[in-house]
Amino acid sequence: MEWKDVPTPEEIIDVGKKKMGNYGKFLPWLVIGFFVLVGIRGIIYSIGPDEVGIIQRFGKYIGLSSPGLHAKFPFGIDKVTPIKVRKIFKEEFGFRTLQPGVISKYSRQNYLDESLMLTGDLNILDVRWIVQFKIKDAVRLLFQTRNPQDIIKDIAEVVMRRFVGDYTVDEVLTTKREEIDDLAQQEIQRILDNYQTGVQIVTVKLLDVNPAERVKPAFNEVNEAKQEKEKMINQAWEVYNKEVPKARGEAERTIRQAEGYALDKINRAKGESERFIAAWTEYKKAPEITKKRLYLETLMEVLPKAKDKYIIDPKQTSILPLLNLGEKGGTAQ
């Protein structure tokens, strides 16, 4: 190729003008179409079923947008910020969930700066817990709160440390966990309302409370001793509940028997005295008849009990005829 065959710059520009001449008349329409597409995209927006949209015009709040498709002024005149008002958010303390599910996966990293707490009796516990919350006022959340997630996290940690410090280690581990949950939820909500964050606390829950790793062996020994103590106390109460009611029952039965015996004797004595008085009254009326009746009644009572009966003639001077000597060992006739 010779040097004379190379086109000059003027020739290249002329060729370009000739080629662009065919498309130059469409360029303005292409630019207009581009801006129309951009404007249409900026006009139409959608809000999800669990969201509410906060509309700002030139940065000033003008209203809320309900779920669905809506239109707004494009090119930055109107700005819509969707906020999820029905979703339950969760903050974790002392642990992090990497993958929730049937078998959840948790981070192996320690978060002892969040979980180590001092109880009221100066014991250290590793407390792992969660706070669940949702947005109840999207406007306050967006315009009156900066970094709401950090605010919730800081307030929740301060409140939980304060309540754990009000109870003993045994209470935090066993009997007072639900009480701490309720009190912490109420206190966190009160502080958030004072700050006008627009956040509603749904749940505060202690998940796992354990002694610190360094004191776990000593703590386990103390727990074993307490459990042994409780076991012995329960066994003693078992024996007490078995023997004491039995002894009380025996005492009550003896008292009732004595009372019955005393009542029987008293009633018998009263009956005998009344009978004696009645007999004495009749005796005064007819002494001979009464004597004879008493004599006969006594004989009727005594004679049936006698084994052998001997009737003696008052005129008899010897008792030999009354004795059966042959049957009693004498000489047989």
C-alpha atoms as a PDB file:
ATOM      1  CA  MET A   1       0.000   0.000   0.000  1.00  0.00           C
ATOM      2  CA  GLU A   2       1.425   3.305  -1.084  1.00  0.00           C
ATOM      3  CA  TRP A   3       1.324   6.487   0.943  1.00  0.00           C
ATOM      4  CA  LYS A   4      -0.923   8.170  -1.599  1.00  0.00           C
ATOM      5  CA  ASP A   5      -3.679   5.560  -0.963  1.00  0.00           C
ATOM      6  CA  VAL A   6      -4.049   6.581   2.776  1.00  0.00           C
ATOM      7  CA  PRO A   7      -7.167   8.896   3.278  1.00  0.00           C
ATOM      8  CA  THR A   8      -6.627  12.298   4.772  1.00  0.00           C
ATOM      9  CA  PRO A   9      -8.488  13.458   7.946  1.00  0.00           C
ATOM     10  CA  GLU A  10     -10.790  15.640   5.893  1.00  0.00           C
ATOM     11  CA  GLU A  11     -11.777  12.648   3.775  1.00  0.00           C
ATOM     12  CA  ILE A  12     -12.522  10.564   6.909  1.00  0.00           C
ATOM     13  CA  ILE A  13     -14.786  13.342   8.317  1.00  0.00           C
ATOM     14  CA  ASP A  14     -16.623  13.622   5.019  1.00  0.00           C
ATOM     15  CA  VAL A  15     -17.263   9.870   4.921  1.00  0.00           C
ATOM     16  CA  GLY A  16     -18.574   9.981   8.544  1.00  0.00           C
ATOM     17  CA  LYS A  17     -20.942  12.845   7.755  1.00  0.00           C
ATOM     18  CA  LYS A  18     -22.329  10.941   4.781  1.00  0.00           C
ATOM     19  CA  LYS A  19     -22.983   7.816   6.916  1.00  0.00           C
ATOM     20  CA  MET A  20     -24.482   9.754   9.856  1.00  0.00           C
ATOM     21  CA  GLY A  21     -26.696  11.670   7.524  1.00  0.00           C
ATOM     22  CA  ASN A  22     -28.948   8.616   7.175  1.00  0.00           C
ATOM     23  CA  TYR A  23     -29.432   8.249  10.995  1.00  0.00           C
ATOM     24  CA  GLY A  24     -29.044  11.819  12.225  1.00  0.00           C
ATOM     25  CA  LYS A  25     -32.734  12.599  11.779  1.00  0.00           C
ATOM     26  CA  PHE A  26     -33.659   9.788  14.285  1.00  0.00           C
ATOM     27  CA  LEU A  27     -31.258  10.922  17.038  1.00  0.00           C
ATOM     28  CA  PRO A  28     -33.578  13.518  18.657  1.00  0.00           C
ATOM     29  CA  TRP A  29     -36.394  10.958  18.839  1.00  0.00           C
ATOM     30  CA  LEU A  30     -34.079   8.431  20.437  1.00  0.00           C
ATOM     31  CA  VAL A  31     -33.097  10.963  23.103  1.00  0.00           C
ATOM     32  CA  ILE A  32     -36.740  11.837  23.742  1.00  0.00           C
ATOM     33  CA  GLY A  33     -37.692   8.159  23.986  1.00  0.00           C
ATOM     34  CA  PHE A  34     -34.915   7.555  26.499  1.00  0.00           C
ATOM     35  CA  PHE A  35     -36.169  10.345  28.758  1.00  0.00           C
ATOM     36  CA  VAL A  36     -39.759   9.111  28.410  1.00  0.00           C
ATOM     37  CA  LEU A  37     -38.746   5.618  29.546  1.00  0.00           C
ATOM     38  CA  VAL A  38     -36.808   7.041  32.455  1.00  0.00           C
ATOM     39  CA  GLY A  39     -39.787   9.229  33.412  1.00  0.00           C
ATOM     40  CA  ILE A  40     -42.269   6.326  33.201  1.00  0.00           C
ATOM     41  CA  ARG A  41     -40.016   4.231  35.379  1.00  0.00           C
ATOM     42  CA  GLY A  42     -39.816   7.062  37.908  1.00  0.00           C
ATOM     43  CA  ILE A  43     -43.590   7.642  37.904  1.00  0.00           C
ATOM     44  CA  ILE A  44     -44.821   4.124  38.698  1.00  0.00           C
ATOM     45  CA  TYR A  45     -43.901   2.452  41.989  1.00  0.00           C
ATOM     46  CA  SER A  46     -45.313  -0.398  44.089  1.00  0.00           C
ATOM     47  CA  ILE A  47     -45.725  -0.983  47.816  1.00  0.00           C
ATOM     48  CA  GLY A  48     -45.742  -4.553  49.170  1.00  0.00           C
ATOM     49  CA  PRO A  49     -48.648  -6.019  51.186  1.00  0.00           C
ATOM     50  CA  ASP A  50     -46.643  -5.847  54.440  1.00  0.00           C
ATOM     51  CA  GLU A  51     -45.315  -2.330  53.773  1.00  0.00           C
ATOM     52  CA  VAL A  52     -46.348   1.286  53.922  1.00  0.00           C
ATOM     53  CA  GLY A  53     -44.781   3.974  51.727  1.00  0.00           C
ATOM     54  CA  ILE A  54     -43.604   7.332  53.090  1.00  0.00           C
ATOM     55  CA  ILE A  55     -43.881  10.024  50.395  1.00  0.00           C
ATOM     56  CA  GLN A  56     -41.515  12.996  50.376  1.00  0.00           C
ATOM     57  CA  ARG A  57     -41.697  15.903  47.935  1.00  0.00           C
ATOM     58  CA  PHE A  58     -38.437  17.789  47.673  1.00  0.00           C
ATOM     59  CA  GLY A  59     -37.506  16.076  50.942  1.00  0.00           C
ATOM     60  CA  LYS A  60     -40.633  17.132  52.857  1.00  0.00           C
ATOM     61  CA  TYR A  61     -43.039  14.510  54.171  1.00  0.00           C
ATOM     62  CA  ILE A  62     -46.459  14.797  52.498  1.00  0.00           C
ATOM     63  CA  GLY A  63     -48.232  11.521  53.259  1.00  0.00           C
ATOM     64  CA  LEU A  64     -48.382   7.728  53.361  1.00  0.00           C
ATOM     65  CA  SER A  65     -48.885   5.276  50.531  1.00  0.00           C
ATOM     66  CA  SER A  66     -50.887   2.064  50.970  1.00  0.00           C
ATOM     67  CA  PRO A  67     -49.946  -1.320  49.437  1.00  0.00           C
ATOM     68  CA  GLY A  68     -50.335  -1.560  45.665  1.00  0.00           C
ATOM     69  CA  LEU A  69     -49.310   0.331  42.488  1.00  0.00           C
ATOM     70  CA  HIS A  70     -49.105   4.148  42.646  1.00  0.00           C
ATOM     71  CA  ALA A  71     -47.764   7.105  40.666  1.00  0.00           C
ATOM     72  CA  LYS A  72     -45.488   9.964  41.707  1.00  0.00           C
ATOM     73  CA  PHE A  73     -43.588  12.840  40.187  1.00  0.00           C
ATOM     74  CA  PRO A  74     -40.360  11.616  38.556  1.00  0.00           C
ATOM     75  CA  PHE A  75     -36.823  12.983  38.341  1.00  0.00           C
ATOM     76  CA  GLY A  76     -36.353  13.178  42.130  1.00  0.00           C
ATOM     77  CA  ILE A  77     -39.307  15.465  42.789  1.00  0.00           C
ATOM     78  CA  ASP A  78     -41.126  12.779  44.821  1.00  0.00           C
ATOM     79  CA  LYS A  79     -39.346  10.111  46.831  1.00  0.00           C
ATOM     80  CA  VAL A  80     -41.124   7.063  48.305  1.00  0.00           C
ATOM     81  CA  THR A  81     -39.514   4.995  51.071  1.00  0.00           C
ATOM     82  CA  PRO A  82     -41.174   1.606  51.715  1.00  0.00           C
ATOM     83  CA  ILE A  83     -41.136   0.449  55.351  1.00  0.00           C
ATOM     84  CA  LYS A  84     -42.227  -2.998  56.488  1.00  0.00           C
ATOM     85  CA  VAL A  85     -44.823  -2.468  59.234  1.00  0.00           C
ATOM     86  CA  ARG A  86     -46.060  -6.057  59.570  1.00  0.00           C
ATOM     87  CA  LYS A  87     -42.772  -7.902  59.632  1.00  0.00           C
ATOM     88  CA  ILE A  88     -41.419  -9.064  62.993  1.00  0.00           C
ATOM     89  CA  PHE A  89     -37.754  -8.129  63.330  1.00  0.00           C
ATOM     90  CA  LYS A  90     -35.382  -9.825  65.761  1.00  0.00           C
ATOM     91  CA  GLU A  91     -32.268  -8.792  67.627  1.00  0.00           C
ATOM     92  CA  GLU A  92     -30.063 -11.519  69.107  1.00  0.00           C
ATOM     93  CA  PHE A  93     -27.805 -11.074  72.126  1.00  0.00           C
ATOM     94  CA  GLY A  94     -24.958 -13.441  72.958  1.00  0.00           C
ATOM     95  CA  PHE A  95     -25.277 -15.431  69.720  1.00  0.00           C
ATOM     96  CA  ARG A  96     -25.980 -15.027  66.004  1.00  0.00           C
ATOM     97  CA  THR A  97     -28.104 -17.225  63.756  1.00  0.00           C
ATOM     98  CA  LEU A  98     -26.426 -17.858  60.427  1.00  0.00           C
ATOM     99  CA  GLN A  99     -29.112 -20.025  58.854  1.00  0.00           C
ATOM    100  CA  PRO A 100     -32.531 -20.472  60.495  1.00  0.00           C
ATOM    101  CA  GLY A 101     -34.528 -23.600  59.876  1.00  0.00           C
ATOM    102  CA  VAL A 102     -35.385 -26.988  61.320  1.00  0.00           C
ATOM    103  CA  ILE A 103     -31.704 -27.395  62.147  1.00  0.00           C
ATOM    104  CA  SER A 104     -30.460 -23.849  62.596  1.00  0.00           C
ATOM    105  CA  LYS A 105     -26.822 -22.930  62.166  1.00  0.00           C
ATOM    106  CA  TYR A 106     -25.227 -20.516  64.616  1.00  0.00           C
ATOM    107  CA  SER A 107     -22.042 -18.516  64.548  1.00  0.00           C
ATOM    108  CA  ARG A 108     -19.153 -20.003  66.515  1.00  0.00           C
ATOM    109  CA  GLN A 109     -17.945 -16.586  67.486  1.00  0.00           C
ATOM    110  CA  ASN A 110     -18.301 -15.593  71.142  1.00  0.00           C
ATOM    111  CA  TYR A 111     -20.299 -12.491  72.019  1.00  0.00           C
ATOM    112  CA  LEU A 112     -19.354 -12.335  75.674  1.00  0.00           C
ATOM    113  CA  ASP A 113     -19.414  -8.540  75.680  1.00  0.00           C
ATOM    114  CA  GLU A 114     -23.187  -8.836  75.227  1.00  0.00           C
ATOM    115  CA  SER A 115     -23.989 -11.925  77.263  1.00  0.00           C
ATOM    116  CA  LEU A 116     -21.838 -11.792  80.413  1.00  0.00           C
ATOM    117  CA  MET A 117     -23.862 -10.203  83.216  1.00  0.00           C
ATOM    118  CA  LEU A 118     -23.511  -9.742  86.976  1.00  0.00           C
ATOM    119  CA  THR A 119     -26.377 -10.918  89.199  1.00  0.00           C
ATOM    120  CA  GLY A 120     -27.546  -9.328  92.424  1.00  0.00           C
ATOM    121  CA  ASP A 121     -25.521 -11.775  94.543  1.00  0.00           C
ATOM    122  CA  LEU A 122     -22.331 -11.027  92.564  1.00  0.00           C
ATOM    123  CA  ASN A 123     -22.311 -14.110  90.343  1.00  0.00           C
ATOM    124  CA  ILE A 124     -21.488 -14.032  86.628  1.00  0.00           C
ATOM    125  CA  LEU A 125     -23.934 -15.525  84.144  1.00  0.00           C
ATOM    126  CA  ASP A 126     -23.772 -16.059  80.393  1.00  0.00           C
ATOM    127  CA  VAL A 127     -27.226 -14.812  79.314  1.00  0.00           C
ATOM    128  CA  ARG A 128     -28.402 -15.362  75.737  1.00  0.00           C
ATOM    129  CA  TRP A 129     -31.693 -13.753  74.751  1.00  0.00           C
ATOM    130  CA  ILE A 130     -33.679 -12.157  71.947  1.00  0.00           C
ATOM    131  CA  VAL A 131     -35.844  -9.092  71.388  1.00  0.00           C
ATOM    132  CA  GLN A 132     -38.581  -9.199  68.730  1.00  0.00           C
ATOM    133  CA  PHE A 133     -40.140  -5.945  67.526  1.00  0.00           C
ATOM    134  CA  LYS A 134     -42.117  -4.380  64.716  1.00  0.00           C
ATOM    135  CA  ILE A 135     -42.722  -0.885  63.334  1.00  0.00           C
ATOM    136  CA  LYS A 136     -45.884   0.770  64.676  1.00  0.00           C
ATOM    137  CA  ASP A 137     -45.220   4.320  63.416  1.00  0.00           C
ATOM    138  CA  ALA A 138     -43.239   4.478  60.174  1.00  0.00           C
ATOM    139  CA  VAL A 139     -43.111   8.289  60.122  1.00  0.00           C
ATOM    140  CA  ARG A 140     -41.443   8.543  63.532  1.00  0.00           C
ATOM    141  CA  LEU A 141     -39.088   5.720  62.657  1.00  0.00           C
ATOM    142  CA  LEU A 142     -37.906   7.509  59.481  1.00  0.00           C
ATOM    143  CA  PHE A 143     -37.779  11.137  60.625  1.00  0.00           C
ATOM    144  CA  GLN A 144     -37.201  11.052  64.404  1.00  0.00           C
ATOM    145  CA  THR A 145     -34.832   8.104  64.760  1.00  0.00           C
ATOM    146  CA  ARG A 146     -31.305   7.712  63.537  1.00  0.00           C
ATOM    147  CA  ASN A 147     -30.027   4.125  63.410  1.00  0.00           C
ATOM    148  CA  PRO A 148     -33.112   2.591  65.097  1.00  0.00           C
ATOM    149  CA  GLN A 149     -31.586  -0.881  65.158  1.00  0.00           C
ATOM    150  CA  ASP A 150     -28.586   0.329  67.176  1.00  0.00           C
ATOM    151  CA  ILE A 151     -30.887   2.238  69.534  1.00  0.00           C
ATOM    152  CA  ILE A 152     -33.024  -0.841  70.208  1.00  0.00           C
ATOM    153  CA  LYS A 153     -29.943  -2.966  70.738  1.00  0.00           C
ATOM    154  CA  ASP A 154     -28.334  -0.546  73.204  1.00  0.00           C
ATOM    155  CA  ILE A 155     -31.527   0.071  75.203  1.00  0.00           C
ATOM    156  CA  ALA A 156     -32.368  -3.635  75.395  1.00  0.00           C
ATOM    157  CA  GLU A 157     -28.899  -4.550  76.629  1.00  0.00           C
ATOM    158  CA  VAL A 158     -28.900  -1.841  79.319  1.00  0.00           C
ATOM    159  CA  VAL A 159     -32.359  -2.824  80.573  1.00  0.00           C
ATOM    160  CA  MET A 160     -31.591  -6.549  80.667  1.00  0.00           C
ATOM    161  CA  ARG A 161     -28.357  -6.002  82.584  1.00  0.00           C
ATOM    162  CA  ARG A 162     -30.237  -3.911  85.135  1.00  0.00           C
ATOM    163  CA  PHE A 163     -32.937  -6.513  85.732  1.00  0.00           C
ATOM    164  CA  VAL A 164     -30.492  -9.425  85.898  1.00  0.00           C
ATOM    165  CA  GLY A 165     -28.589  -7.413  88.498  1.00  0.00           C
ATOM    166  CA  ASP A 166     -31.753  -7.146  90.613  1.00  0.00           C
ATOM    167  CA  TYR A 167     -32.091 -10.924  91.082  1.00  0.00           C
ATOM    168  CA  THR A 168     -29.979 -13.708  92.532  1.00  0.00           C
ATOM    169  CA  VAL A 169     -28.283 -16.271  90.338  1.00  0.00           C
ATOM    170  CA  ASP A 170     -30.782 -18.991  91.316  1.00  0.00           C
ATOM    171  CA  GLU A 171     -33.738 -16.768  90.472  1.00  0.00           C
ATOM    172  CA  VAL A 172     -32.342 -15.881  87.043  1.00  0.00           C
ATOM    173  CA  LEU A 173     -31.614 -19.536  86.309  1.00  0.00           C
ATOM    174  CA  THR A 174     -34.970 -20.936  87.469  1.00  0.00           C
ATOM    175  CA  THR A 175     -37.944 -19.193  89.039  1.00  0.00           C
ATOM    176  CA  LYS A 176     -37.790 -15.566  87.859  1.00  0.00           C
ATOM    177  CA  ARG A 177     -37.045 -15.919  84.144  1.00  0.00           C
ATOM    178  CA  GLU A 178     -40.580 -15.162  82.959  1.00  0.00           C
ATOM    179  CA  GLU A 179     -40.828 -12.259  85.383  1.00  0.00           C
ATOM    180  CA  ILE A 180     -37.587 -10.793  84.020  1.00  0.00           C
ATOM    181  CA  ASP A 181     -38.904 -11.193  80.460  1.00  0.00           C
ATOM    182  CA  ASP A 182     -42.096  -9.279  81.231  1.00  0.00           C
ATOM    183  CA  LEU A 183     -40.403  -6.497  83.202  1.00  0.00           C
ATOM    184  CA  ALA A 184     -37.690  -6.030  80.568  1.00  0.00           C
ATOM    185  CA  GLN A 185     -40.277  -5.844  77.766  1.00  0.00           C
ATOM    186  CA  GLN A 186     -42.282  -3.186  79.610  1.00  0.00           C
ATOM    187  CA  GLU A 187     -39.196  -1.122  80.444  1.00  0.00           C
ATOM    188  CA  ILE A 188     -37.749  -1.273  76.910  1.00  0.00           C
ATOM    189  CA  GLN A 189     -41.112  -0.237  75.470  1.00  0.00           C
ATOM    190  CA  ARG A 190     -41.376   2.676  77.913  1.00  0.00           C
ATOM    191  CA  ILE A 191     -37.951   4.024  76.947  1.00  0.00           C
ATOM    192  CA  LEU A 192     -38.595   3.618  73.214  1.00  0.00           C
ATOM    193  CA  ASP A 193     -41.906   5.472  73.562  1.00  0.00           C
ATOM    194  CA  ASN A 194     -40.139   8.309  75.380  1.00  0.00           C
ATOM    195  CA  TYR A 195     -37.675   8.529  72.514  1.00  0.00           C
ATOM    196  CA  GLN A 196     -40.596   8.426  70.005  1.00  0.00           C
ATOM    197  CA  THR A 197     -38.926   5.748  67.911  1.00  0.00           C
ATOM    198  CA  GLY A 198     -42.163   4.324  66.505  1.00  0.00           C
ATOM    199  CA  VAL A 199     -41.113   0.788  67.488  1.00  0.00           C
ATOM    200  CA  GLN A 200     -43.287  -1.753  69.326  1.00  0.00           C
ATOM    201  CA  ILE A 201     -41.636  -4.546  71.324  1.00  0.00           C
ATOM    202  CA  VAL A 202     -43.347  -7.880  70.690  1.00  0.00           C
ATOM    203  CA  THR A 203     -41.283 -10.290  72.800  1.00  0.00           C
ATOM    204  CA  VAL A 204     -38.326 -10.328  75.151  1.00  0.00           C
ATOM    205  CA  LYS A 205     -37.185 -13.879  75.863  1.00  0.00           C
ATOM    206  CA  LEU A 206     -34.316 -15.392  77.836  1.00  0.00           C
ATOM    207  CA  LEU A 207     -33.236 -18.390  75.769  1.00  0.00           C
ATOM    208  CA  ASP A 208     -30.190 -19.824  77.509  1.00  0.00           C
ATOM    209  CA  VAL A 209     -28.780 -18.855  80.905  1.00  0.00           C
ATOM    210  CA  ASN A 210     -25.601 -20.569  82.118  1.00  0.00           C
ATOM    211  CA  PRO A 211     -22.723 -19.823  84.469  1.00  0.00           C
ATOM    212  CA  ALA A 212     -19.537 -18.517  82.896  1.00  0.00           C
ATOM    213  CA  GLU A 213     -17.195 -21.228  81.621  1.00  0.00           C
ATOM    214  CA  ARG A 214     -14.515 -20.543  84.234  1.00  0.00           C
ATOM    215  CA  VAL A 215     -16.866 -20.971  87.196  1.00  0.00           C
ATOM    216  CA  LYS A 216     -18.988 -23.783  85.770  1.00  0.00           C
ATOM    217  CA  PRO A 217     -17.308 -26.643  87.711  1.00  0.00           C
ATOM    218  CA  ALA A 218     -17.671 -24.861  91.064  1.00  0.00           C
ATOM    219  CA  PHE A 219     -21.183 -23.830  90.186  1.00  0.00           C
ATOM    220  CA  ASN A 220     -22.126 -27.421  89.321  1.00  0.00           C
ATOM    221  CA  GLU A 221     -20.764 -28.606  92.673  1.00  0.00           C
ATOM    222  CA  VAL A 222     -22.854 -26.023  94.492  1.00  0.00           C
ATOM    223  CA  ASN A 223     -25.931 -27.077  92.535  1.00  0.00           C
ATOM    224  CA  GLU A 224     -25.317 -30.736  93.341  1.00  0.00           C
ATOM    225  CA  ALA A 225     -25.035 -29.879  97.028  1.00  0.00           C
ATOM    226  CA  LYS A 226     -28.260 -27.880  96.873  1.00  0.00           C
ATOM    227  CA  GLN A 227     -30.024 -30.693  95.073  1.00  0.00           C
ATOM    228  CA  GLU A 228     -28.838 -33.179  97.701  1.00  0.00           C
ATOM    229  CA  LYS A 229     -30.070 -30.828 100.408  1.00  0.00           C
ATOM    230  CA  GLU A 230     -33.448 -30.514  98.717  1.00  0.00           C
ATOM    231  CA  LYS A 231     -33.600 -34.289  98.336  1.00  0.00           C
ATOM    232  CA  MET A 232     -32.978 -34.861 102.043  1.00  0.00           C
ATOM    233  CA  ILE A 233     -35.516 -32.197 102.992  1.00  0.00           C
ATOM    234  CA  ASN A 234     -38.100 -33.789 100.717  1.00  0.00           C
ATOM    235  CA  GLN A 235     -37.418 -37.228 102.174  1.00  0.00           C
ATOM    236  CA  ALA A 236     -37.791 -35.839 105.697  1.00  0.00           C
ATOM    237  CA  TRP A 237     -41.057 -34.192 104.733  1.00  0.00           C
ATOM    238  CA  GLU A 238     -42.210 -37.482 103.228  1.00  0.00           C
ATOM    239  CA  VAL A 239     -41.600 -39.290 106.517  1.00  0.00           C
ATOM    240  CA  TYR A 240     -43.184 -36.420 108.427  1.00  0.00           C
ATOM    241  CA  ASN A 241     -46.279 -36.448 106.235  1.00  0.00           C
ATOM    242  CA  LYS A 242     -46.563 -40.197 106.672  1.00  0.00           C
ATOM    243  CA  GLU A 243     -45.976 -40.557 110.432  1.00  0.00           C
ATOM    244  CA  VAL A 244     -47.486 -37.384 111.851  1.00  0.00           C
ATOM    245  CA  PRO A 245     -50.960 -37.881 110.334  1.00  0.00           C
ATOM    246  CA  LYS A 246     -50.824 -41.513 111.457  1.00  0.00           C
ATOM    247  CA  ALA A 247     -49.969 -40.492 115.020  1.00  0.00           C
ATOM    248  CA  ARG A 248     -52.644 -37.836 114.930  1.00  0.00           C
ATOM    249  CA  GLY A 249     -55.151 -40.418 113.774  1.00  0.00           C
ATOM    250  CA  GLU A 250     -54.174 -42.806 116.575  1.00  0.00           C
ATOM    251  CA  ALA A 251     -54.454 -40.013 119.125  1.00  0.00           C
ATOM    252  CA  GLU A 252     -57.818 -38.974 117.756  1.00  0.00           C
ATOM    253  CA  ARG A 253     -59.047 -42.578 117.836  1.00  0.00           C
ATOM    254  CA  THR A 254     -57.878 -43.018 121.457  1.00  0.00           C
ATOM    255  CA  ILE A 255     -59.554 -39.768 122.451  1.00  0.00           C
ATOM    256  CA  ARG A 256     -62.799 -40.831 120.791  1.00  0.00           C
ATOM    257  CA  GLN A 257     -62.652 -44.241 122.494  1.00  0.00           C
ATOM    258  CA  ALA A 258     -62.073 -42.584 125.876  1.00  0.00           C
ATOM    259  CA  GLU A 259     -64.900 -40.181 125.258  1.00  0.00           C
ATOM    260  CA  GLY A 260     -67.168 -43.065 124.261  1.00  0.00           C
ATOM    261  CA  TYR A 261     -66.159 -45.062 127.340  1.00  0.00           C
ATOM    262  CA  ALA A 262     -66.768 -42.058 129.601  1.00  0.00           C
ATOM    263  CA  LEU A 263     -70.134 -41.389 127.992  1.00  0.00           C
ATOM    264  CA  ASP A 264     -71.114 -45.040 128.394  1.00  0.00           C
ATOM    265  CA  LYS A 265     -70.153 -45.074 132.071  1.00  0.00           C
ATOM    266  CA  ILE A 266     -71.914 -41.805 132.748  1.00  0.00           C
ATOM    267  CA  ASN A 267     -75.072 -42.990 131.024  1.00  0.00           C
ATOM    268  CA  ARG A 268     -74.953 -46.302 132.886  1.00  0.00           C
ATOM    269  CA  ALA A 269     -74.452 -44.521 136.194  1.00  0.00           C
ATOM    270  CA  LYS A 270     -77.319 -42.191 135.445  1.00  0.00           C
ATOM    271  CA  GLY A 271     -79.517 -45.160 134.539  1.00  0.00           C
ATOM    272  CA  GLU A 272     -78.565 -47.049 137.690  1.00  0.00           C
ATOM    273  CA  SER A 273     -79.208 -43.994 139.858  1.00  0.00           C
ATOM    274  CA  GLU A 274     -82.553 -43.358 138.204  1.00  0.00           C
ATOM    275  CA  ARG A 275     -83.507 -47.009 138.627  1.00  0.00           C
ATOM    276  CA  PHE A 276     -82.429 -46.967 142.280  1.00  0.00           C
ATOM    277  CA  ILE A 277     -84.446 -43.802 142.911  1.00  0.00           C
ATOM    278  CA  ALA A 278     -87.477 -45.391 141.240  1.00  0.00           C
ATOM    279  CA  ALA A 279     -87.075 -48.566 143.334  1.00  0.00           C
ATOM    280  CA  TRP A 280     -86.624 -46.493 146.466  1.00  0.00           C
ATOM    281  CA  THR A 281     -89.796 -44.584 145.683  1.00  0.00           C
ATOM    282  CA  GLU A 282     -91.751 -47.830 145.234  1.00  0.00           C
ATOM    283  CA  TYR A 283     -90.145 -49.318 148.342  1.00  0.00           C
ATOM    284  CA  LYS A 284     -91.424 -46.476 150.493  1.00  0.00           C
ATOM    285  CA  LYS A 285     -94.903 -47.114 149.197  1.00  0.00           C
ATOM    286  CA  ALA A 286     -94.899 -50.913 149.942  1.00  0.00           C
ATOM    287  CA  PRO A 287     -91.696 -52.143 151.617  1.00  0.00           C
ATOM    288  CA  GLU A 288     -92.611 -55.862 151.886  1.00  0.00           C
ATOM    289  CA  ILE A 289     -93.798 -56.202 148.329  1.00  0.00           C
ATOM    290  CA  THR A 290     -90.749 -54.357 147.042  1.00  0.00           C
ATOM    291  CA  LYS A 291     -88.395 -56.566 149.084  1.00  0.00           C
ATOM    292  CA  LYS A 292     -90.000 -59.705 147.741  1.00  0.00           C
ATOM    293  CA  ARG A 293     -89.886 -58.442 144.148  1.00  0.00           C
ATOM    294  CA  LEU A 294     -86.210 -57.496 144.458  1.00  0.00           C
ATOM    295  CA  TYR A 295     -85.477 -60.925 145.999  1.00  0.00           C
ATOM    296  CA  LEU A 296     -87.209 -62.740 143.178  1.00  0.00           C
ATOM    297  CA  GLU A 297     -85.548 -60.639 140.514  1.00  0.00           C
ATOM    298  CA  THR A 298     -82.135 -61.316 142.052  1.00  0.00           C
ATOM    299  CA  LEU A 299     -82.814 -65.060 142.107  1.00  0.00           C
ATOM    300  CA  MET A 300     -83.908 -64.950 138.459  1.00  0.00           C
ATOM    301  CA  GLU A 301     -80.612 -63.339 137.607  1.00  0.00           C
ATOM    302  CA  VAL A 302     -78.354 -65.527 139.776  1.00  0.00           C
ATOM    303  CA  LEU A 303     -79.849 -69.033 139.496  1.00  0.00           C
ATOM    304  CA  PRO A 304     -79.312 -69.457 135.719  1.00  0.00           C
ATOM    305  CA  LYS A 305     -75.590 -68.903 136.282  1.00  0.00           C
ATOM    306  CA  ALA A 306     -75.240 -71.552 139.039  1.00  0.00           C
ATOM    307  CA  LYS A 307     -73.919 -74.952 137.918  1.00  0.00           C
ATOM    308  CA  ASP A 308     -75.260 -77.095 140.790  1.00  0.00           C
ATOM    309  CA  LYS A 309     -78.253 -76.178 142.845  1.00  0.00           C
ATOM    310  CA  TYR A 310     -79.001 -77.547 146.317  1.00  0.00           C
ATOM    311  CA  ILE A 311     -82.347 -77.019 147.987  1.00  0.00           C
ATOM    312  CA  ILE A 312     -82.068 -77.562 151.766  1.00  0.00           C
ATOM    313  CA  ASP A 313     -84.894 -78.197 154.074  1.00  0.00           C
ATOM    314  CA  PRO A 314     -84.687 -75.758 156.957  1.00  0.00           C
ATOM    315  CA  LYS A 315     -85.490 -78.635 159.367  1.00  0.00           C
ATOM    316  CA  GLN A 316     -82.622 -80.790 158.097  1.00  0.00           C
ATOM    317  CA  THR A 317     -79.831 -81.168 160.715  1.00  0.00           C
ATOM    318  CA  SER A 318     -77.234 -82.914 158.543  1.00  0.00           C
ATOM    319  CA  ILE A 319     -76.040 -82.345 154.973  1.00  0.00           C
ATOM    320  CA  LEU A 320     -74.901 -85.964 154.338  1.00  0.00           C
ATOM    321  CA  PRO A 321     -78.110 -87.021 152.615  1.00  0.00           C
ATOM    322  CA  LEU A 322     -77.467 -84.228 150.137  1.00  0.00           C
ATOM    323  CA  LEU A 323     -74.048 -85.492 149.064  1.00  0.00           C
ATOM    324  CA  ASN A 324     -73.703 -88.187 146.387  1.00  0.00           C
ATOM    325  CA  LEU A 325     -70.723 -89.956 147.837  1.00  0.00           C
ATOM    326  CA  GLY A 326     -70.764 -92.761 145.288  1.00  0.00           C
ATOM    327  CA  GLU A 327     -70.131 -90.361 142.449  1.00  0.00           C
ATOM    328  CA  LYS A 328     -67.677 -88.241 144.395  1.00  0.00           C
ATOM    329  CA  GLY A 329     -65.174 -90.945 145.117  1.00  0.00           C
ATOM    330  CA  GLY A 330     -66.837 -92.671 148.089  1.00  0.00           C
ATOM    331  CA  THR A 331     -67.403 -96.453 148.442  1.00  0.00           C
ATOM    332  CA  ALA A 332     -69.799 -97.616 145.792  1.00  0.00           C
ATOM    333  CA  GLN A 333     -72.972 -99.317 147.072  1.00  0.00           C
END
